């Protein structure tokens, strides 16, 4: 049985009660990913309870031999996300979000990103679309309803 390589993925200071000594944490890549995923979920719960919106992020890891194609694809996705943010009505937000999602799917089918990366990219696209729709709805309310509050009706 071959033992998988273990890498040092984190070095952190221990608590002041332990004398502030440096502790080297050795764990597998899977354990490191699980640790960060758990922390991410906890932070999102705390932010949601406080009414703070967490920005969505996606990572696409570079792969040898196709980095230029990945870079071009990421630039195109970035351009589409900017167009979503600049849209003036709900229909154009939906169209741009659909185009961006289709483009991301094409990148996945072309092996420029994994299915897990695709899932994260689609979450980012959805978040950008939601933000754009909320902005458009806020801009379309009558001026005096902004002054009186969200519950005011025209």
N, C-alpha and C. Protein backbone atom coordinates (compact mmCIF):
# COMPACT_ATOMS: atom_id res chain seq x y z
N UNK A 1 0.84 -1.17 0.00
CA UNK A 1 0.00 0.00 0.00
C UNK A 1 0.89 1.24 0.00
N UNK A 2 0.65 2.09 -0.97
CA UNK A 2 1.44 3.31 -1.11
C UNK A 2 0.82 4.41 -0.27
N UNK A 3 1.63 5.07 0.53
CA UNK A 3 1.16 6.17 1.35
C UNK A 3 1.18 7.44 0.51
N UNK A 4 0.03 8.16 0.48
CA UNK A 4 0.00 9.39 -0.32
C UNK A 4 0.93 10.43 0.29
N UNK A 5 1.52 11.27 -0.56
CA UNK A 5 2.42 12.29 -0.03
C UNK A 5 1.65 13.28 0.85
N UNK A 6 2.25 13.64 1.94
CA UNK A 6 1.66 14.62 2.85
C UNK A 6 2.52 15.87 2.77
N UNK A 7 1.86 16.99 2.62
CA UNK A 7 2.58 18.25 2.50
C UNK A 7 2.23 19.14 3.67
N UNK A 8 3.15 20.00 4.01
CA UNK A 8 2.87 21.00 5.04
C UNK A 8 2.05 22.09 4.36
N UNK A 9 0.80 22.21 4.77
CA UNK A 9 -0.10 23.16 4.15
C UNK A 9 -0.41 24.35 5.03
N UNK A 10 0.06 24.32 6.27
CA UNK A 10 -0.22 25.47 7.11
C UNK A 10 0.71 25.54 8.30
N UNK A 11 1.11 26.72 8.63
CA UNK A 11 1.90 26.97 9.83
C UNK A 11 1.17 28.06 10.58
N UNK A 12 0.83 27.79 11.82
CA UNK A 12 0.10 28.82 12.55
C UNK A 12 0.62 28.96 13.96
N UNK A 13 0.39 30.11 14.51
CA UNK A 13 0.78 30.36 15.90
C UNK A 13 -0.25 29.73 16.82
N UNK A 14 0.22 29.12 17.87
CA UNK A 14 -0.71 28.54 18.82
C UNK A 14 -1.22 29.65 19.75
N UNK A 15 -2.10 29.29 20.64
CA UNK A 15 -2.72 30.27 21.52
C UNK A 15 -1.71 30.86 22.50
N UNK A 16 -1.99 32.04 23.01
CA UNK A 16 -1.09 32.64 24.00
C UNK A 16 -0.95 31.76 25.25
N UNK A 17 -1.98 30.98 25.58
CA UNK A 17 -1.91 30.11 26.74
C UNK A 17 -0.85 29.03 26.56
N UNK A 18 -0.58 28.66 25.31
CA UNK A 18 0.42 27.64 25.02
C UNK A 18 1.80 28.26 24.86
N UNK A 19 1.95 29.51 25.19
CA UNK A 19 3.24 30.16 25.12
C UNK A 19 3.52 30.81 23.78
N UNK A 20 2.53 30.85 22.87
CA UNK A 20 2.70 31.50 21.58
C UNK A 20 3.69 30.80 20.67
N UNK A 21 3.90 29.52 20.88
CA UNK A 21 4.84 28.78 20.05
C UNK A 21 4.24 28.51 18.67
N UNK A 22 5.10 28.37 17.70
CA UNK A 22 4.66 28.09 16.34
C UNK A 22 4.37 26.60 16.23
N UNK A 23 3.21 26.28 15.67
CA UNK A 23 2.83 24.89 15.48
C UNK A 23 2.78 24.61 13.98
N UNK A 24 3.42 23.55 13.56
CA UNK A 24 3.38 23.15 12.16
C UNK A 24 2.25 22.14 12.01
N UNK A 25 1.32 22.43 11.13
CA UNK A 25 0.18 21.56 10.91
C UNK A 25 0.44 20.75 9.65
N UNK A 26 0.46 19.44 9.80
CA UNK A 26 0.69 18.57 8.65
C UNK A 26 -0.60 17.82 8.38
N UNK A 27 -1.10 17.94 7.18
CA UNK A 27 -2.35 17.26 6.82
C UNK A 27 -2.38 16.97 5.33
N UNK A 28 -3.25 16.08 4.95
CA UNK A 28 -3.39 15.76 3.53
C UNK A 28 -4.13 16.90 2.83
N UNK A 29 -4.04 16.91 1.54
CA UNK A 29 -4.71 17.93 0.74
C UNK A 29 -6.23 17.88 0.96
N UNK A 30 -6.79 16.67 1.08
CA UNK A 30 -8.23 16.51 1.29
C UNK A 30 -8.65 17.08 2.64
N UNK A 31 -7.85 16.81 3.69
CA UNK A 31 -8.16 17.34 5.02
C UNK A 31 -8.08 18.87 5.02
N UNK A 32 -7.10 19.42 4.31
CA UNK A 32 -6.94 20.87 4.22
C UNK A 32 -8.15 21.49 3.53
N UNK A 33 -8.60 20.87 2.45
CA UNK A 33 -9.78 21.38 1.73
C UNK A 33 -11.02 21.30 2.60
N UNK A 34 -11.17 20.20 3.34
CA UNK A 34 -12.34 20.04 4.21
C UNK A 34 -12.32 21.08 5.33
N UNK A 35 -11.16 21.36 5.88
CA UNK A 35 -11.02 22.36 6.93
C UNK A 35 -11.48 23.73 6.44
N UNK A 36 -11.02 24.11 5.25
CA UNK A 36 -11.38 25.42 4.71
C UNK A 36 -12.85 25.47 4.31
N UNK A 37 -13.40 24.38 3.80
CA UNK A 37 -14.81 24.35 3.43
C UNK A 37 -15.69 24.52 4.66
N UNK A 38 -15.33 23.86 5.76
CA UNK A 38 -16.08 24.01 7.01
C UNK A 38 -16.02 25.44 7.54
N UNK A 39 -14.83 26.04 7.48
CA UNK A 39 -14.68 27.42 7.95
C UNK A 39 -15.48 28.37 7.06
N UNK A 40 -15.49 28.12 5.77
CA UNK A 40 -16.22 28.97 4.84
C UNK A 40 -17.71 28.95 5.16
N UNK A 41 -18.25 27.75 5.43
CA UNK A 41 -19.68 27.63 5.75
C UNK A 41 -20.01 28.36 7.06
N UNK A 42 -19.12 28.25 8.05
CA UNK A 42 -19.34 28.95 9.31
C UNK A 42 -19.34 30.46 9.11
N UNK A 43 -18.40 30.97 8.33
CA UNK A 43 -18.33 32.40 8.06
C UNK A 43 -19.57 32.88 7.32
N UNK A 44 -20.05 32.09 6.35
CA UNK A 44 -21.25 32.47 5.61
C UNK A 44 -22.47 32.51 6.52
N UNK A 45 -22.58 31.56 7.47
CA UNK A 45 -23.71 31.56 8.42
C UNK A 45 -23.68 32.80 9.30
N UNK A 46 -22.50 33.15 9.79
CA UNK A 46 -22.37 34.33 10.64
C UNK A 46 -22.71 35.59 9.86
N UNK A 47 -22.22 35.68 8.63
CA UNK A 47 -22.49 36.85 7.79
C UNK A 47 -23.98 36.96 7.48
N UNK A 48 -24.61 35.83 7.19
CA UNK A 48 -26.04 35.84 6.87
C UNK A 48 -26.85 36.28 8.08
N UNK A 49 -26.48 35.82 9.27
CA UNK A 49 -27.17 36.22 10.49
C UNK A 49 -27.01 37.71 10.75
N UNK A 50 -25.87 38.27 10.34
CA UNK A 50 -25.61 39.70 10.54
C UNK A 50 -26.17 40.54 9.40
N UNK A 51 -26.72 39.90 8.38
CA UNK A 51 -27.28 40.63 7.26
C UNK A 51 -26.24 41.14 6.27
N UNK A 52 -25.05 40.53 6.29
CA UNK A 52 -23.97 40.93 5.39
C UNK A 52 -23.93 39.95 4.23
N UNK A 53 -23.78 40.47 3.03
CA UNK A 53 -23.72 39.62 1.84
C UNK A 53 -22.27 39.26 1.54
N UNK A 54 -22.00 37.97 1.46
CA UNK A 54 -20.65 37.49 1.16
C UNK A 54 -20.45 37.44 -0.35
N UNK A 55 -19.34 37.96 -0.83
CA UNK A 55 -19.09 37.86 -2.28
C UNK A 55 -18.81 36.41 -2.65
N UNK A 56 -19.28 36.01 -3.80
CA UNK A 56 -19.04 34.66 -4.30
C UNK A 56 -17.73 34.67 -5.07
N UNK A 57 -16.97 33.61 -4.94
CA UNK A 57 -15.72 33.49 -5.68
C UNK A 57 -15.64 32.12 -6.33
N UNK A 58 -14.89 32.04 -7.37
CA UNK A 58 -14.65 30.78 -8.06
C UNK A 58 -13.17 30.74 -8.43
N UNK A 59 -12.61 29.56 -8.35
CA UNK A 59 -11.21 29.37 -8.73
C UNK A 59 -11.14 28.37 -9.86
N UNK A 60 -10.35 28.71 -10.84
CA UNK A 60 -10.06 27.79 -11.93
C UNK A 60 -8.56 27.58 -11.91
N UNK A 61 -8.16 26.37 -11.63
CA UNK A 61 -6.74 26.08 -11.52
C UNK A 61 -6.13 25.87 -12.90
N UNK A 62 -4.96 26.49 -13.11
CA UNK A 62 -4.26 26.37 -14.38
C UNK A 62 -3.73 24.96 -14.59
N UNK A 63 -3.81 24.51 -15.82
CA UNK A 63 -3.31 23.20 -16.17
C UNK A 63 -2.27 23.33 -17.28
N UNK A 64 -1.24 22.54 -17.17
CA UNK A 64 -0.18 22.60 -18.17
C UNK A 64 -0.72 22.33 -19.57
N UNK A 65 -0.22 23.11 -20.50
CA UNK A 65 -0.57 22.91 -21.90
C UNK A 65 -1.81 23.64 -22.36
N UNK A 66 -2.68 24.05 -21.43
CA UNK A 66 -3.91 24.73 -21.83
C UNK A 66 -4.12 26.05 -21.08
N UNK A 67 -3.07 26.54 -20.45
CA UNK A 67 -3.23 27.76 -19.65
C UNK A 67 -3.64 28.96 -20.50
N UNK A 68 -3.16 29.05 -21.70
CA UNK A 68 -3.54 30.20 -22.55
C UNK A 68 -5.03 30.14 -22.89
N UNK A 69 -5.53 28.94 -23.19
CA UNK A 69 -6.95 28.80 -23.49
C UNK A 69 -7.79 29.10 -22.24
N UNK A 70 -7.31 28.64 -21.07
CA UNK A 70 -8.01 28.93 -19.83
C UNK A 70 -8.04 30.43 -19.56
N UNK A 71 -6.91 31.07 -19.77
CA UNK A 71 -6.83 32.51 -19.54
C UNK A 71 -7.78 33.27 -20.46
N UNK A 72 -7.85 32.87 -21.73
CA UNK A 72 -8.76 33.51 -22.67
C UNK A 72 -10.21 33.29 -22.25
N UNK A 73 -10.52 32.09 -21.80
CA UNK A 73 -11.87 31.79 -21.34
C UNK A 73 -12.25 32.59 -20.11
N UNK A 74 -11.32 32.73 -19.18
CA UNK A 74 -11.58 33.49 -17.97
C UNK A 74 -11.79 34.97 -18.30
N UNK A 75 -11.01 35.49 -19.24
CA UNK A 75 -11.19 36.89 -19.66
C UNK A 75 -12.57 37.09 -20.28
N UNK A 76 -13.02 36.13 -21.07
CA UNK A 76 -14.35 36.22 -21.69
C UNK A 76 -15.44 36.15 -20.62
N UNK A 77 -15.29 35.26 -19.63
CA UNK A 77 -16.26 35.19 -18.53
C UNK A 77 -16.28 36.50 -17.75
N UNK A 78 -15.12 37.08 -17.53
CA UNK A 78 -15.04 38.35 -16.81
C UNK A 78 -15.79 39.44 -17.58
N UNK A 79 -15.61 39.45 -18.90
CA UNK A 79 -16.30 40.43 -19.74
C UNK A 79 -17.82 40.24 -19.65
N UNK A 80 -18.26 38.98 -19.68
CA UNK A 80 -19.69 38.70 -19.58
C UNK A 80 -20.25 39.10 -18.21
N UNK A 81 -19.48 38.88 -17.15
CA UNK A 81 -19.92 39.28 -15.81
C UNK A 81 -20.05 40.80 -15.71
N UNK A 82 -19.13 41.53 -16.34
CA UNK A 82 -19.22 42.99 -16.35
C UNK A 82 -20.45 43.45 -17.11
N UNK A 83 -20.78 42.76 -18.21
CA UNK A 83 -21.98 43.11 -18.97
C UNK A 83 -23.24 42.85 -18.15
N UNK A 84 -23.23 41.79 -17.34
CA UNK A 84 -24.37 41.53 -16.45
C UNK A 84 -24.53 42.70 -15.49
N UNK A 85 -23.43 43.14 -14.92
CA UNK A 85 -23.48 44.25 -13.96
C UNK A 85 -23.91 45.57 -14.57
N UNK A 86 -23.68 45.76 -15.87
CA UNK A 86 -24.04 47.01 -16.53
C UNK A 86 -25.40 46.97 -17.21
N UNK A 87 -26.08 45.83 -17.16
CA UNK A 87 -27.38 45.69 -17.83
C UNK A 87 -28.39 46.68 -17.26
N UNK A 88 -29.29 47.14 -18.14
CA UNK A 88 -30.26 48.16 -17.76
C UNK A 88 -31.64 47.60 -17.44
N UNK A 89 -31.92 46.35 -17.83
CA UNK A 89 -33.21 45.75 -17.51
C UNK A 89 -33.05 44.27 -17.20
N UNK A 90 -34.10 43.70 -16.62
CA UNK A 90 -34.05 42.30 -16.18
C UNK A 90 -33.81 41.33 -17.34
N UNK A 91 -34.42 41.61 -18.48
CA UNK A 91 -34.29 40.71 -19.62
C UNK A 91 -32.84 40.60 -20.10
N UNK A 92 -32.16 41.74 -20.15
CA UNK A 92 -30.76 41.69 -20.59
C UNK A 92 -29.88 41.03 -19.55
N UNK A 93 -30.24 41.14 -18.26
CA UNK A 93 -29.50 40.42 -17.23
C UNK A 93 -29.63 38.92 -17.46
N UNK A 94 -30.86 38.48 -17.72
CA UNK A 94 -31.09 37.04 -17.94
C UNK A 94 -30.38 36.54 -19.19
N UNK A 95 -30.39 37.34 -20.24
CA UNK A 95 -29.71 36.95 -21.47
C UNK A 95 -28.21 36.82 -21.24
N UNK A 96 -27.62 37.84 -20.62
CA UNK A 96 -26.17 37.81 -20.38
C UNK A 96 -25.79 36.67 -19.42
N UNK A 97 -26.62 36.43 -18.40
CA UNK A 97 -26.34 35.33 -17.47
C UNK A 97 -26.42 33.99 -18.19
N UNK A 98 -27.38 33.86 -19.10
CA UNK A 98 -27.49 32.62 -19.88
C UNK A 98 -26.30 32.41 -20.79
N UNK A 99 -25.84 33.47 -21.42
CA UNK A 99 -24.66 33.38 -22.28
C UNK A 99 -23.44 33.00 -21.45
N UNK A 100 -23.27 33.64 -20.29
CA UNK A 100 -22.12 33.34 -19.43
C UNK A 100 -22.16 31.90 -18.94
N UNK A 101 -23.34 31.41 -18.57
CA UNK A 101 -23.48 30.03 -18.11
C UNK A 101 -23.16 29.06 -19.24
N UNK A 102 -23.66 29.34 -20.42
CA UNK A 102 -23.36 28.50 -21.58
C UNK A 102 -21.88 28.48 -21.90
N UNK A 103 -21.25 29.63 -21.80
CA UNK A 103 -19.81 29.72 -22.06
C UNK A 103 -19.03 28.91 -21.03
N UNK A 104 -19.44 29.01 -19.76
CA UNK A 104 -18.77 28.24 -18.71
C UNK A 104 -18.95 26.74 -18.95
N UNK A 105 -20.15 26.33 -19.35
CA UNK A 105 -20.38 24.92 -19.67
C UNK A 105 -19.50 24.46 -20.82
N UNK A 106 -19.35 25.30 -21.82
CA UNK A 106 -18.48 24.95 -22.95
C UNK A 106 -17.03 24.80 -22.49
N UNK A 107 -16.60 25.67 -21.57
CA UNK A 107 -15.24 25.54 -21.04
C UNK A 107 -15.08 24.21 -20.30
N UNK A 108 -16.10 23.81 -19.57
CA UNK A 108 -16.03 22.54 -18.85
C UNK A 108 -15.98 21.37 -19.82
N UNK A 109 -16.80 21.40 -20.86
CA UNK A 109 -16.81 20.32 -21.85
C UNK A 109 -15.53 20.28 -22.66
N UNK A 110 -14.82 21.40 -22.73
CA UNK A 110 -13.54 21.44 -23.43
C UNK A 110 -12.37 21.14 -22.49
N UNK A 111 -12.68 20.69 -21.28
CA UNK A 111 -11.68 20.35 -20.26
C UNK A 111 -10.82 21.54 -19.85
N UNK A 112 -11.39 22.74 -19.89
CA UNK A 112 -10.68 23.93 -19.43
C UNK A 112 -10.97 24.20 -17.95
N UNK A 113 -11.97 23.49 -17.41
CA UNK A 113 -12.27 23.55 -15.98
C UNK A 113 -12.97 22.25 -15.58
N UNK A 114 -12.90 21.94 -14.30
CA UNK A 114 -13.54 20.73 -13.80
C UNK A 114 -15.01 21.01 -13.50
N UNK A 115 -15.76 19.96 -13.22
CA UNK A 115 -17.17 20.14 -12.88
C UNK A 115 -17.34 20.89 -11.56
N UNK A 116 -16.42 20.68 -10.62
CA UNK A 116 -16.49 21.42 -9.36
C UNK A 116 -16.22 22.90 -9.59
N UNK A 117 -15.25 23.21 -10.45
CA UNK A 117 -14.97 24.61 -10.79
C UNK A 117 -16.16 25.22 -11.52
N UNK A 118 -16.80 24.45 -12.40
CA UNK A 118 -17.97 24.92 -13.12
C UNK A 118 -19.09 25.28 -12.15
N UNK A 119 -19.31 24.45 -11.15
CA UNK A 119 -20.35 24.71 -10.15
C UNK A 119 -20.10 26.06 -9.47
N UNK A 120 -18.85 26.32 -9.10
CA UNK A 120 -18.51 27.59 -8.45
C UNK A 120 -18.68 28.77 -9.40
N UNK A 121 -18.31 28.60 -10.65
CA UNK A 121 -18.44 29.67 -11.65
C UNK A 121 -19.92 30.00 -11.85
N UNK A 122 -20.76 28.97 -11.92
CA UNK A 122 -22.20 29.21 -12.11
C UNK A 122 -22.79 29.92 -10.90
N UNK A 123 -22.32 29.61 -9.69
CA UNK A 123 -22.77 30.34 -8.50
C UNK A 123 -22.40 31.82 -8.60
N UNK A 124 -21.20 32.11 -9.08
CA UNK A 124 -20.76 33.50 -9.24
C UNK A 124 -21.64 34.21 -10.26
N UNK A 125 -21.95 33.54 -11.36
CA UNK A 125 -22.81 34.14 -12.39
C UNK A 125 -24.19 34.43 -11.82
N UNK A 126 -24.75 33.47 -11.07
CA UNK A 126 -26.06 33.67 -10.45
C UNK A 126 -26.06 34.82 -9.46
N UNK A 127 -25.00 34.93 -8.69
CA UNK A 127 -24.87 36.01 -7.71
C UNK A 127 -24.79 37.36 -8.43
N UNK A 128 -24.03 37.42 -9.51
CA UNK A 128 -23.91 38.67 -10.27
C UNK A 128 -25.27 39.05 -10.86
N UNK A 129 -26.01 38.06 -11.36
CA UNK A 129 -27.34 38.33 -11.91
C UNK A 129 -28.30 38.83 -10.84
N UNK A 130 -28.27 38.21 -9.66
CA UNK A 130 -29.14 38.65 -8.57
C UNK A 130 -28.84 40.08 -8.16
N UNK A 131 -27.55 40.41 -8.04
CA UNK A 131 -27.16 41.76 -7.67
C UNK A 131 -27.63 42.77 -8.71
N UNK A 132 -27.50 42.42 -9.98
CA UNK A 132 -27.91 43.33 -11.06
C UNK A 132 -29.43 43.53 -11.02
N UNK A 133 -30.19 42.46 -10.80
CA UNK A 133 -31.65 42.58 -10.75
C UNK A 133 -32.07 43.45 -9.56
N UNK A 134 -31.45 43.26 -8.40
CA UNK A 134 -31.77 44.09 -7.24
C UNK A 134 -31.45 45.55 -7.51
N UNK A 135 -30.32 45.81 -8.19
CA UNK A 135 -29.96 47.19 -8.52
C UNK A 135 -30.99 47.80 -9.46
N UNK A 136 -31.40 47.03 -10.47
CA UNK A 136 -32.37 47.54 -11.45
C UNK A 136 -33.71 47.82 -10.76
N UNK A 137 -34.15 46.92 -9.89
CA UNK A 137 -35.41 47.13 -9.17
C UNK A 137 -35.34 48.36 -8.26
N UNK A 138 -34.20 48.55 -7.62
CA UNK A 138 -34.04 49.72 -6.75
C UNK A 138 -34.06 51.01 -7.56
N UNK A 139 -33.48 50.98 -8.75
CA UNK A 139 -33.46 52.18 -9.59
C UNK A 139 -34.82 52.49 -10.18
N UNK A 140 -35.66 51.48 -10.34
CA UNK A 140 -36.95 51.69 -10.98
C UNK A 140 -38.03 52.15 -10.00
N UNK A 141 -37.77 52.10 -8.69
CA UNK A 141 -38.75 52.59 -7.71
C UNK A 141 -38.81 54.11 -7.79
N UNK A 142 -39.96 54.66 -7.51
CA UNK A 142 -40.08 56.13 -7.50
C UNK A 142 -39.13 56.74 -6.48
N UNK A 143 -38.69 57.94 -6.79
CA UNK A 143 -37.72 58.63 -5.93
C UNK A 143 -38.19 58.75 -4.50
N UNK A 144 -39.45 59.13 -4.31
CA UNK A 144 -39.94 59.37 -2.95
C UNK A 144 -40.01 58.09 -2.15
N UNK A 145 -40.12 56.92 -2.80
CA UNK A 145 -40.16 55.67 -2.04
C UNK A 145 -38.79 55.36 -1.43
N UNK A 146 -37.71 55.88 -2.05
CA UNK A 146 -36.38 55.72 -1.46
C UNK A 146 -36.29 56.50 -0.15
N UNK A 147 -36.94 57.67 -0.13
CA UNK A 147 -36.91 58.51 1.05
C UNK A 147 -37.76 57.92 2.17
N UNK A 148 -38.95 57.42 1.80
CA UNK A 148 -39.86 56.90 2.80
C UNK A 148 -39.49 55.50 3.28
N UNK A 149 -38.74 54.77 2.48
CA UNK A 149 -38.33 53.42 2.88
C UNK A 149 -38.80 52.37 1.90
N UNK A 150 -38.37 51.16 2.15
CA UNK A 150 -38.67 50.05 1.23
C UNK A 150 -40.14 49.69 1.21
N UNK A 151 -40.86 49.94 2.29
CA UNK A 151 -42.28 49.55 2.34
C UNK A 151 -43.22 50.49 1.62
N UNK A 152 -42.73 51.62 1.13
CA UNK A 152 -43.60 52.60 0.47
C UNK A 152 -44.04 52.08 -0.88
N UNK A 153 -45.29 52.37 -1.22
CA UNK A 153 -45.84 51.95 -2.52
C UNK A 153 -46.19 53.17 -3.34
N UNK A 154 -46.16 52.97 -4.65
CA UNK A 154 -46.48 54.07 -5.54
C UNK A 154 -47.96 54.26 -5.66
